[in-house]
Amino acid sequence: MTDSTSFRDLGISPDLTDLLDSQGIISPFPIQEAAIPDALSGRDLCGRARTGSGKTLAFGLPMVQTIKEAQSKRPRALVLTPTRELCSQVGAVLSDLAAVRDFEIIEVYGGAPMQKQIDALKRGVEIVVATPGRLIDLLERKAVRLDDIAVVAIDEADQMADMGFLPQVRRIMRTVPEDHQTLLFSATLDGQVGALIKAYMDDPVYHEVSPTTVAVETMEHRFLKVHYMDKVRVAARIARSAGRTLMFTRTKHGADRLVTDLREEGIKTVAIHGDKQQRHREKALARFASGDTPVLVATNVAARGLHIEGVDLVVHYDPPDDPKTYLHRSGRTARAGEEGLVVTLVEWDQVNEVLRIQKEAGLSLPLIKMLSNNEALDDLTSWEPDEADLPPAGPDTKAAAARRRMKTPGRRRRRR
């Protein structure tokens, strides 16, 4: 991205850029600069970019600028998302843009009253932001028709694949007109996502601006060996020293238990997971986003798709099962080029699994023993372990290289 580039330079109309200016959005992010001109030209487009890189405006601005007024039950544009939370977040961003053109927008997902969605569609909406399952329910009830769809945006397509939603996406894509435009965004563009592109996109242009390696390099990673009886106290002390902290557990029960334990340590905490009602999940996210509750405990439902600004710290309270999950969880910090801190708490029987995840994620860092009374927990970003803290390693091993990196003076510090 160049400093001189503006949204008007990319072809966005003055009424929309005036709105962006009023919101303090002046210069486009790289994915926006790359994708917007091709999207405005009508090309099918595949964008490889992480959550938080600005994808919503990359497809939302051209979508709002090019669509026309809708008739009853016949929207003009469709955005498909894998989760209810992402559906709500995309809808919130697009609603401001739509209002500039007097367009109506509706968020369609399970767990919300269907009749309200049916009534809104009957009145007429230009843009539908939907999860696949609920949209198919509405199609089967003949509450909506996709005959007039001009633009389809598929957001977080790789997560759609991971969650088993691609058959539903294909069913929806068979319903829209053949001459529509498709804008697909994903962290990866191979495998099942690649098959989707081949089947439903016409000579798409590709833009890849946020490879996973960038996310790894813009984070500080700490791997701490802890005793299970001291683990909550370690997590609590880390949280007290940080700003907004996102902690991940493997299970829903584990998330609820951690919230209880952290509250007993005096930490204001809320949780989100699949068993929480949608209104409770939205309330928890709002409290976390506002800073009212500085710690959010989540299962992997929050590892993908959510756009949460200003996360200072990610804690893998339970180490993830695989490197892909590690990277997606960790990516809740270090957003849009910023730097961030990621801490993984490792119990004795998890060491080998964590070392495997490190290797596959392109990391090679020591696992350092840590007790909750260690003052290092008050500032893990700038902390450099003593030689005695580091595990033994030969001079030519990866562990030795990790020791040297941890001890190098003048290492990059995270911006505060």
Protein backbone atom coordinates (compact mmCIF):
# COMPACT_ATOMS: atom_id res chain seq x y z
CA MET A 1 0.00 0.00 0.00
CA THR A 2 1.32 3.44 -0.90
CA ASP A 3 0.71 6.47 1.25
CA SER A 4 -0.66 8.42 -1.71
CA THR A 5 -3.35 5.87 -2.60
CA SER A 6 -6.90 6.76 -1.61
CA PHE A 7 -10.23 5.00 -1.96
CA ARG A 8 -11.20 7.55 -4.61
CA ASP A 9 -8.08 6.60 -6.56
CA LEU A 10 -9.38 3.03 -6.55
CA GLY A 11 -12.69 4.12 -8.10
CA ILE A 12 -14.91 4.38 -5.02
CA SER A 13 -17.57 7.07 -5.42
CA PRO A 14 -17.49 10.30 -3.37
CA ASP A 15 -20.60 9.52 -1.32
CA LEU A 16 -18.99 6.34 0.01
CA THR A 17 -15.53 7.86 0.50
CA ASP A 18 -17.11 10.72 2.44
CA LEU A 19 -18.52 8.12 4.84
CA LEU A 20 -15.11 6.46 5.16
CA ASP A 21 -13.50 9.84 5.83
CA SER A 22 -16.00 10.53 8.61
CA GLN A 23 -15.07 7.18 10.19
CA GLY A 24 -11.35 7.93 9.99
CA ILE A 25 -10.77 5.35 7.25
CA ILE A 26 -8.44 7.23 4.93
CA SER A 27 -6.00 4.84 3.23
CA PRO A 28 -6.85 1.36 1.96
CA PHE A 29 -5.23 -1.77 3.34
CA PRO A 30 -3.27 -3.92 0.85
CA ILE A 31 -6.13 -6.35 0.14
CA GLN A 32 -8.46 -3.41 -0.48
CA GLU A 33 -6.02 -1.68 -2.80
CA ALA A 34 -5.50 -4.90 -4.74
CA ALA A 35 -9.09 -6.14 -4.92
CA ILE A 36 -11.33 -3.08 -5.27
CA PRO A 37 -10.47 -2.08 -8.88
CA ASP A 38 -11.01 -5.62 -10.16
CA ALA A 39 -14.22 -6.00 -8.14
CA LEU A 40 -15.55 -2.72 -9.55
CA SER A 41 -14.78 -3.93 -13.08
CA GLY A 42 -17.04 -6.96 -12.57
CA ARG A 43 -14.32 -9.60 -12.49
CA ASP A 44 -14.64 -12.73 -10.40
CA LEU A 45 -12.01 -12.44 -7.70
CA CYS A 46 -10.19 -14.65 -5.20
CA GLY A 47 -8.48 -12.92 -2.30
CA ARG A 48 -6.13 -14.66 0.07
CA ALA A 49 -6.08 -12.69 3.29
CA ARG A 50 -6.39 -13.19 7.02
CA THR A 51 -9.25 -12.01 9.18
CA GLY A 52 -8.63 -8.41 10.18
CA SER A 53 -6.89 -7.49 6.94
CA GLY A 54 -9.81 -5.42 5.65
CA LYS A 55 -11.64 -7.98 3.53
CA THR A 56 -15.13 -6.73 4.36
CA LEU A 57 -14.56 -3.32 2.79
CA ALA A 58 -12.67 -4.98 -0.08
CA PHE A 59 -15.86 -6.68 -1.22
CA GLY A 60 -18.41 -4.43 0.50
CA LEU A 61 -17.50 -1.14 -1.16
CA PRO A 62 -17.72 -2.45 -4.76
CA MET A 63 -20.87 -4.40 -3.85
CA VAL A 64 -22.73 -1.36 -2.52
CA GLN A 65 -21.48 0.86 -5.35
CA THR A 66 -22.61 -1.41 -8.18
CA ILE A 67 -25.92 -3.01 -7.13
CA LYS A 68 -29.39 -1.66 -7.85
CA GLU A 69 -32.60 -1.34 -5.86
CA ALA A 70 -34.27 -4.60 -4.88
CA GLN A 71 -37.83 -5.88 -5.16
CA SER A 72 -39.75 -7.87 -2.55
CA LYS A 73 -38.01 -11.16 -1.69
CA ARG A 74 -35.41 -10.57 -4.44
CA PRO A 75 -32.14 -9.22 -3.01
CA ARG A 76 -29.40 -7.93 -5.26
CA ALA A 77 -26.30 -9.04 -3.33
CA LEU A 78 -25.44 -11.96 -1.08
CA VAL A 79 -22.64 -12.45 1.45
CA LEU A 80 -22.07 -15.96 2.82
CA THR A 81 -20.29 -16.37 6.16
CA PRO A 82 -19.54 -19.50 8.22
CA THR A 83 -20.59 -18.24 11.68
CA ARG A 84 -23.27 -16.12 13.30
CA GLU A 85 -20.68 -13.82 14.85
CA LEU A 86 -19.01 -13.11 11.52
CA CYS A 87 -22.43 -12.63 9.92
CA SER A 88 -23.23 -9.94 12.49
CA GLN A 89 -19.86 -8.25 12.14
CA VAL A 90 -20.01 -8.13 8.33
CA GLY A 91 -23.57 -6.84 8.53
CA ALA A 92 -22.51 -4.06 10.88
CA VAL A 93 -19.81 -2.87 8.49
CA LEU A 94 -22.02 -3.05 5.40
CA SER A 95 -25.02 -1.40 7.03
CA ASP A 96 -23.28 1.97 7.17
CA LEU A 97 -22.32 1.73 3.51
CA ALA A 98 -25.80 0.60 2.50
CA ALA A 99 -27.43 3.49 4.34
CA VAL A 100 -25.54 5.96 2.13
CA ARG A 101 -27.44 4.57 -0.88
CA ASP A 102 -30.72 4.06 1.02
CA PHE A 103 -30.27 0.30 0.67
CA GLU A 104 -31.63 -2.20 3.17
CA ILE A 105 -29.51 -5.02 4.59
CA ILE A 106 -30.45 -8.06 6.65
CA GLU A 107 -28.38 -10.55 8.64
CA VAL A 108 -29.71 -14.10 8.28
CA TYR A 109 -28.49 -16.80 10.68
CA GLY A 110 -29.80 -19.55 12.89
CA GLY A 111 -30.72 -18.84 16.46
CA ALA A 112 -32.56 -15.63 15.53
CA PRO A 113 -36.35 -15.41 14.99
CA MET A 114 -37.07 -16.56 11.44
CA GLN A 115 -40.32 -14.64 11.07
CA LYS A 116 -38.56 -11.30 11.44
CA GLN A 117 -36.19 -12.32 8.67
CA ILE A 118 -39.09 -13.42 6.47
CA ASP A 119 -40.92 -10.12 7.04
CA ALA A 120 -37.84 -8.06 6.20
CA LEU A 121 -37.21 -10.00 3.00
CA LYS A 122 -40.81 -9.51 1.97
CA ARG A 123 -40.47 -5.74 2.39
CA GLY A 124 -37.39 -5.85 0.19
CA VAL A 125 -33.67 -5.79 1.03
CA GLU A 126 -30.75 -5.16 -1.29
CA ILE A 127 -28.09 -7.11 0.62
CA VAL A 128 -28.42 -10.39 2.50
CA VAL A 129 -25.58 -11.45 4.82
CA ALA A 130 -26.21 -15.08 5.72
CA THR A 131 -24.94 -18.33 7.10
CA PRO A 132 -25.64 -21.12 4.58
CA GLY A 133 -28.01 -23.21 6.68
CA ARG A 134 -30.50 -20.48 7.53
CA LEU A 135 -30.46 -19.14 3.97
CA ILE A 136 -31.39 -22.58 2.65
CA ASP A 137 -34.22 -22.76 5.21
CA LEU A 138 -35.58 -19.47 3.84
CA LEU A 139 -35.19 -20.64 0.25
CA GLU A 140 -37.17 -23.79 1.02
CA ARG A 141 -39.92 -21.68 2.59
CA LYS A 142 -39.93 -19.48 -0.55
CA ALA A 143 -39.26 -16.47 1.65
CA VAL A 144 -36.43 -15.37 -0.63
CA ARG A 145 -35.45 -15.79 -4.28
CA LEU A 146 -31.94 -15.39 -5.63
CA ASP A 147 -32.90 -14.72 -9.25
CA ASP A 148 -31.77 -11.08 -9.09
CA ILE A 149 -28.45 -11.65 -7.34
CA ALA A 150 -25.70 -9.72 -9.12
CA VAL A 151 -22.85 -10.20 -6.62
CA VAL A 152 -22.00 -13.05 -4.25
CA ALA A 153 -19.24 -12.66 -1.67
CA ILE A 154 -18.01 -15.82 0.07
CA ASP A 155 -16.11 -14.85 3.22
CA GLU A 156 -13.75 -17.19 5.11
CA ALA A 157 -14.21 -19.93 2.51
CA ASP A 158 -11.60 -22.16 4.13
CA GLN A 159 -13.53 -22.08 7.40
CA MET A 160 -16.66 -23.02 5.43
CA ALA A 161 -14.73 -26.08 4.28
CA ASP A 162 -13.42 -26.91 7.75
CA MET A 163 -16.94 -26.74 9.20
CA GLY A 164 -18.44 -28.91 6.45
CA PHE A 165 -20.54 -26.14 4.89
CA LEU A 166 -19.33 -26.38 1.30
CA PRO A 167 -22.18 -28.69 0.16
CA GLN A 168 -24.61 -26.01 1.37
CA VAL A 169 -22.58 -23.30 -0.37
CA ARG A 170 -22.69 -25.29 -3.62
CA ARG A 171 -26.44 -25.69 -3.33
CA ILE A 172 -26.83 -21.92 -2.93
CA MET A 173 -24.45 -21.17 -5.81
CA ARG A 174 -26.54 -23.38 -8.11
CA THR A 175 -29.52 -21.14 -7.32
CA VAL A 176 -28.01 -17.77 -8.29
CA PRO A 177 -27.94 -16.55 -11.93
CA GLU A 178 -25.03 -17.73 -14.05
CA ASP A 179 -23.98 -14.18 -14.95
CA HIS A 180 -23.44 -13.03 -11.36
CA GLN A 181 -20.07 -11.88 -9.98
CA THR A 182 -18.35 -13.90 -7.26
CA LEU A 183 -15.86 -12.46 -4.77
CA LEU A 184 -14.24 -15.16 -2.63
CA PHE A 185 -11.95 -14.52 0.32
CA SER A 186 -10.05 -17.16 2.24
CA ALA A 187 -6.85 -17.79 4.18
CA THR A 188 -6.11 -20.64 1.74
CA LEU A 189 -7.15 -21.14 -1.87
CA ASP A 190 -6.35 -24.82 -2.38
CA GLY A 191 -8.08 -28.12 -1.53
CA GLN A 192 -11.86 -27.92 -1.25
CA VAL A 193 -11.76 -24.15 -1.68
CA GLY A 194 -9.86 -24.63 -4.93
CA ALA A 195 -12.54 -27.05 -6.14
CA LEU A 196 -15.23 -24.49 -5.30
CA ILE A 197 -13.37 -21.82 -7.27
CA LYS A 198 -13.03 -24.11 -10.28
CA ALA A 199 -16.70 -25.07 -10.24
CA TYR A 200 -18.36 -21.68 -9.70
CA MET A 201 -16.00 -18.91 -10.75
CA ASP A 202 -15.23 -17.62 -14.24
CA ASP A 203 -11.54 -16.86 -14.90
CA PRO A 204 -11.03 -15.21 -11.50
CA VAL A 205 -8.22 -12.79 -10.77
CA TYR A 206 -6.12 -13.74 -7.74
CA HIS A 207 -4.76 -11.46 -5.04
CA GLU A 208 -2.62 -12.87 -2.23
CA VAL A 209 -1.43 -10.21 0.18
CA SER A 210 -1.42 -11.73 3.68
CA PRO A 211 0.39 -15.07 3.81
CA THR A 212 0.38 -16.93 7.11
CA THR A 213 4.13 -16.41 7.59
CA VAL A 214 3.57 -12.68 8.06
CA ALA A 215 1.26 -13.36 10.98
CA VAL A 216 3.91 -15.50 12.66
CA GLU A 217 6.65 -12.91 12.19
CA THR A 218 4.62 -10.01 13.59
CA MET A 219 3.92 -11.82 16.87
CA GLU A 220 5.99 -12.40 19.97
CA HIS A 221 5.58 -16.04 21.01
CA ARG A 222 6.13 -17.38 24.54
CA PHE A 223 5.81 -21.05 25.53
CA LEU A 224 5.59 -21.52 29.30
CA LYS A 225 5.76 -24.87 31.11
CA VAL A 226 3.35 -24.74 34.03
CA HIS A 227 2.06 -27.06 36.74
CA TYR A 228 -1.63 -27.79 36.40
CA MET A 229 -2.29 -26.69 40.00
CA ASP A 230 -0.62 -23.32 39.33
CA LYS A 231 -1.96 -22.80 35.80
CA VAL A 232 -4.94 -20.58 36.65
CA ARG A 233 -2.76 -18.29 38.78
CA VAL A 234 -0.25 -17.99 35.94
CA ALA A 235 -3.04 -17.09 33.51
CA ALA A 236 -4.53 -14.59 35.95
CA ARG A 237 -1.22 -12.82 36.52
CA ILE A 238 -0.60 -12.56 32.77
CA ALA A 239 -4.10 -11.13 32.28
CA ARG A 240 -3.62 -8.53 35.03
CA SER A 241 -0.56 -7.13 33.26
CA ALA A 242 -2.08 -7.05 29.78
CA GLY A 243 -4.84 -5.06 28.17
CA ARG A 244 -7.50 -6.93 26.25
CA THR A 245 -6.79 -10.66 26.56
CA LEU A 246 -8.31 -13.55 24.60
CA MET A 247 -7.85 -17.01 26.17
CA PHE A 248 -8.61 -20.25 24.35
CA THR A 249 -9.71 -23.58 25.79
CA ARG A 250 -10.33 -26.85 24.01
CA THR A 251 -13.81 -27.53 25.39
CA LYS A 252 -16.96 -25.60 26.28
CA HIS A 253 -16.89 -27.03 29.81
CA GLY A 254 -13.27 -25.96 30.12
CA ALA A 255 -14.17 -22.41 29.06
CA ASP A 256 -16.90 -22.13 31.70
CA ARG A 257 -14.62 -23.59 34.38
CA LEU A 258 -11.81 -21.17 33.47
CA VAL A 259 -14.19 -18.20 33.73
CA THR A 260 -15.16 -19.31 37.24
CA ASP A 261 -11.53 -19.82 38.25
CA LEU A 262 -10.37 -16.47 36.87
CA ARG A 263 -13.21 -14.64 38.59
CA GLU A 264 -12.09 -16.21 41.87
CA GLU A 265 -8.69 -14.66 41.13
CA GLY A 266 -10.34 -11.26 40.75
CA ILE A 267 -10.28 -11.15 36.92
CA LYS A 268 -13.35 -9.80 35.10
CA THR A 269 -14.06 -12.49 32.52
CA VAL A 270 -16.76 -13.64 30.10
CA ALA A 271 -16.97 -16.68 27.82
CA ILE A 272 -18.31 -17.52 24.38
CA HIS A 273 -18.82 -21.00 22.95
CA GLY A 274 -21.32 -23.04 20.99
CA ASP A 275 -23.66 -23.74 23.90
CA LYS A 276 -24.19 -20.05 24.65
CA GLN A 277 -27.32 -18.45 23.21
CA GLN A 278 -26.66 -15.96 20.45
CA ARG A 279 -27.75 -12.97 22.53
CA HIS A 280 -25.36 -14.02 25.30
CA ARG A 281 -22.50 -14.42 22.82
CA GLU A 282 -23.18 -11.00 21.32
CA LYS A 283 -23.35 -9.42 24.78
CA ALA A 284 -20.07 -11.05 25.80
CA LEU A 285 -18.34 -9.83 22.63
CA ALA A 286 -19.70 -6.32 23.15
CA ARG A 287 -18.42 -6.19 26.74
CA PHE A 288 -15.02 -7.42 25.59
CA ALA A 289 -14.84 -5.04 22.62
CA SER A 290 -15.77 -2.05 24.81
CA GLY A 291 -13.12 -2.93 27.40
CA ASP A 292 -15.70 -3.38 30.15
CA THR A 293 -14.54 -6.99 30.51
CA PRO A 294 -10.83 -7.28 29.70
CA VAL A 295 -10.66 -11.08 29.36
CA LEU A 296 -12.67 -13.19 26.93
CA VAL A 297 -12.47 -16.98 27.22
CA ALA A 298 -13.42 -18.85 24.06
CA THR A 299 -13.38 -22.18 22.34
CA ASN A 300 -12.38 -22.32 18.69
CA VAL A 301 -15.66 -20.63 17.74
CA ALA A 302 -13.69 -17.38 18.16
CA ALA A 303 -10.51 -18.58 16.49
CA ARG A 304 -11.77 -17.83 13.01
CA GLY A 305 -13.79 -15.14 11.38
CA LEU A 306 -14.26 -12.73 14.27
CA HIS A 307 -12.99 -9.20 13.78
CA ILE A 308 -12.05 -8.03 17.27
CA GLU A 309 -10.04 -4.83 17.36
CA GLY A 310 -7.29 -4.17 19.88
CA VAL A 311 -6.56 -7.64 21.26
CA ASP A 312 -3.29 -7.17 23.12
CA LEU A 313 -2.68 -10.76 24.10
CA VAL A 314 -3.73 -14.25 23.06
CA VAL A 315 -3.29 -17.04 25.60
CA HIS A 316 -3.54 -20.68 24.53
CA TYR A 317 -4.69 -21.85 27.96
CA ASP A 318 -5.16 -25.27 26.38
CA PRO A 319 -2.70 -25.82 23.53
CA PRO A 320 -4.49 -26.40 20.21
CA ASP A 321 -4.63 -29.75 18.47
CA ASP A 322 -2.80 -28.68 15.31
CA PRO A 323 -0.63 -25.87 13.89
CA LYS A 324 -3.43 -24.49 11.73
CA THR A 325 -5.57 -23.88 14.81
CA TYR A 326 -2.56 -22.36 16.59
CA LEU A 327 -2.09 -19.83 13.80
CA HIS A 328 -5.78 -18.95 13.54
CA ARG A 329 -6.15 -18.52 17.29
CA SER A 330 -2.96 -16.50 17.46
CA GLY A 331 -4.15 -14.33 14.59
CA ARG A 332 -6.70 -12.66 16.87
CA THR A 333 -3.79 -10.41 17.81
CA ALA A 334 -1.24 -8.89 15.39
CA ARG A 335 -4.09 -7.63 13.21
CA ALA A 336 -3.68 -5.55 10.05
CA GLY A 337 0.11 -5.34 10.34
CA GLU A 338 0.21 -4.62 14.07
CA GLU A 339 2.33 -6.69 16.42
CA GLY A 340 1.04 -8.87 19.24
CA LEU A 341 1.93 -11.26 22.03
CA VAL A 342 0.93 -14.94 22.04
CA VAL A 343 1.44 -17.13 25.12
CA THR A 344 0.99 -20.91 25.25
CA LEU A 345 0.68 -22.65 28.62
CA VAL A 346 2.11 -26.16 28.48
CA GLU A 347 1.65 -28.91 31.07
CA TRP A 348 4.20 -31.71 31.36
CA ASP A 349 2.22 -34.23 29.32
CA GLN A 350 1.66 -31.72 26.49
CA VAL A 351 5.33 -30.98 25.72
CA ASN A 352 5.82 -33.35 22.77
CA GLU A 353 2.58 -32.27 21.12
CA VAL A 354 3.44 -28.58 21.48
CA LEU A 355 6.91 -29.14 20.04
CA ARG A 356 5.29 -30.83 17.03
CA ILE A 357 2.92 -27.89 16.57
CA GLN A 358 5.86 -25.47 16.81
CA LYS A 359 7.74 -27.33 14.12
CA GLU A 360 4.81 -27.45 11.71
CA ALA A 361 4.02 -23.78 12.35
CA GLY A 362 7.56 -22.74 11.51
CA LEU A 363 8.55 -21.92 15.09
CA SER A 364 11.46 -23.10 17.21
CA LEU A 365 11.28 -21.60 20.68
CA PRO A 366 12.19 -22.93 24.13
CA LEU A 367 9.57 -24.11 26.60
CA ILE A 368 10.42 -22.27 29.80
CA LYS A 369 9.34 -23.33 33.28
CA MET A 370 7.19 -20.69 34.93
CA LEU A 371 5.57 -20.27 38.34
CA SER A 372 2.87 -17.75 39.16
CA ASN A 373 5.19 -15.86 41.55
CA ASN A 374 7.63 -15.00 38.74
CA GLU A 375 7.71 -11.26 38.06
CA ALA A 376 8.41 -11.97 34.38
CA LEU A 377 4.67 -12.61 33.97
CA ASP A 378 4.06 -8.90 34.50
CA ASP A 379 5.73 -8.02 31.19
CA LEU A 380 6.27 -11.03 28.96
CA THR A 381 6.74 -8.87 25.87
CA SER A 382 10.01 -7.35 27.00
CA TRP A 383 11.09 -10.22 29.24
CA GLU A 384 14.31 -12.00 28.29
CA PRO A 385 14.88 -15.29 30.15
CA ASP A 386 18.04 -15.85 32.10
CA GLU A 387 20.45 -18.47 30.81
CA ALA A 388 19.38 -20.73 33.67
CA ASP A 389 15.77 -20.57 32.49
CA LEU A 390 16.56 -21.93 29.04
CA PRO A 391 16.56 -25.68 28.39
CA PRO A 392 19.92 -27.27 27.53
CA ALA A 393 20.78 -27.41 23.84
CA GLY A 394 23.79 -28.26 21.73
CA PRO A 395 25.51 -25.55 19.66
CA ASP A 396 24.16 -26.72 16.30
CA THR A 397 20.54 -27.46 17.16
CA LYS A 398 17.36 -25.49 16.47
CA ALA A 399 16.94 -25.11 20.22
CA ALA A 400 20.31 -23.39 20.34
CA ALA A 401 19.19 -20.99 17.63
CA ALA A 402 16.07 -20.30 19.66
CA ARG A 403 18.24 -19.59 22.71
CA ARG A 404 20.25 -17.07 20.69
CA ARG A 405 17.08 -15.35 19.43
CA MET A 406 15.68 -15.09 22.94
CA LYS A 407 18.97 -13.54 24.14
CA THR A 408 19.69 -11.15 21.25
CA PRO A 409 19.85 -7.50 22.39
CA GLY A 410 17.67 -4.98 20.62
CA ARG A 411 14.98 -7.41 19.55
CA ARG A 412 11.83 -5.87 18.11
CA ARG A 413 9.38 -4.76 20.79
CA ARG A 414 5.63 -4.75 20.44
CA ARG A 415 4.14 -1.30 20.04
CA ARG A 416 1.94 -0.15 22.90
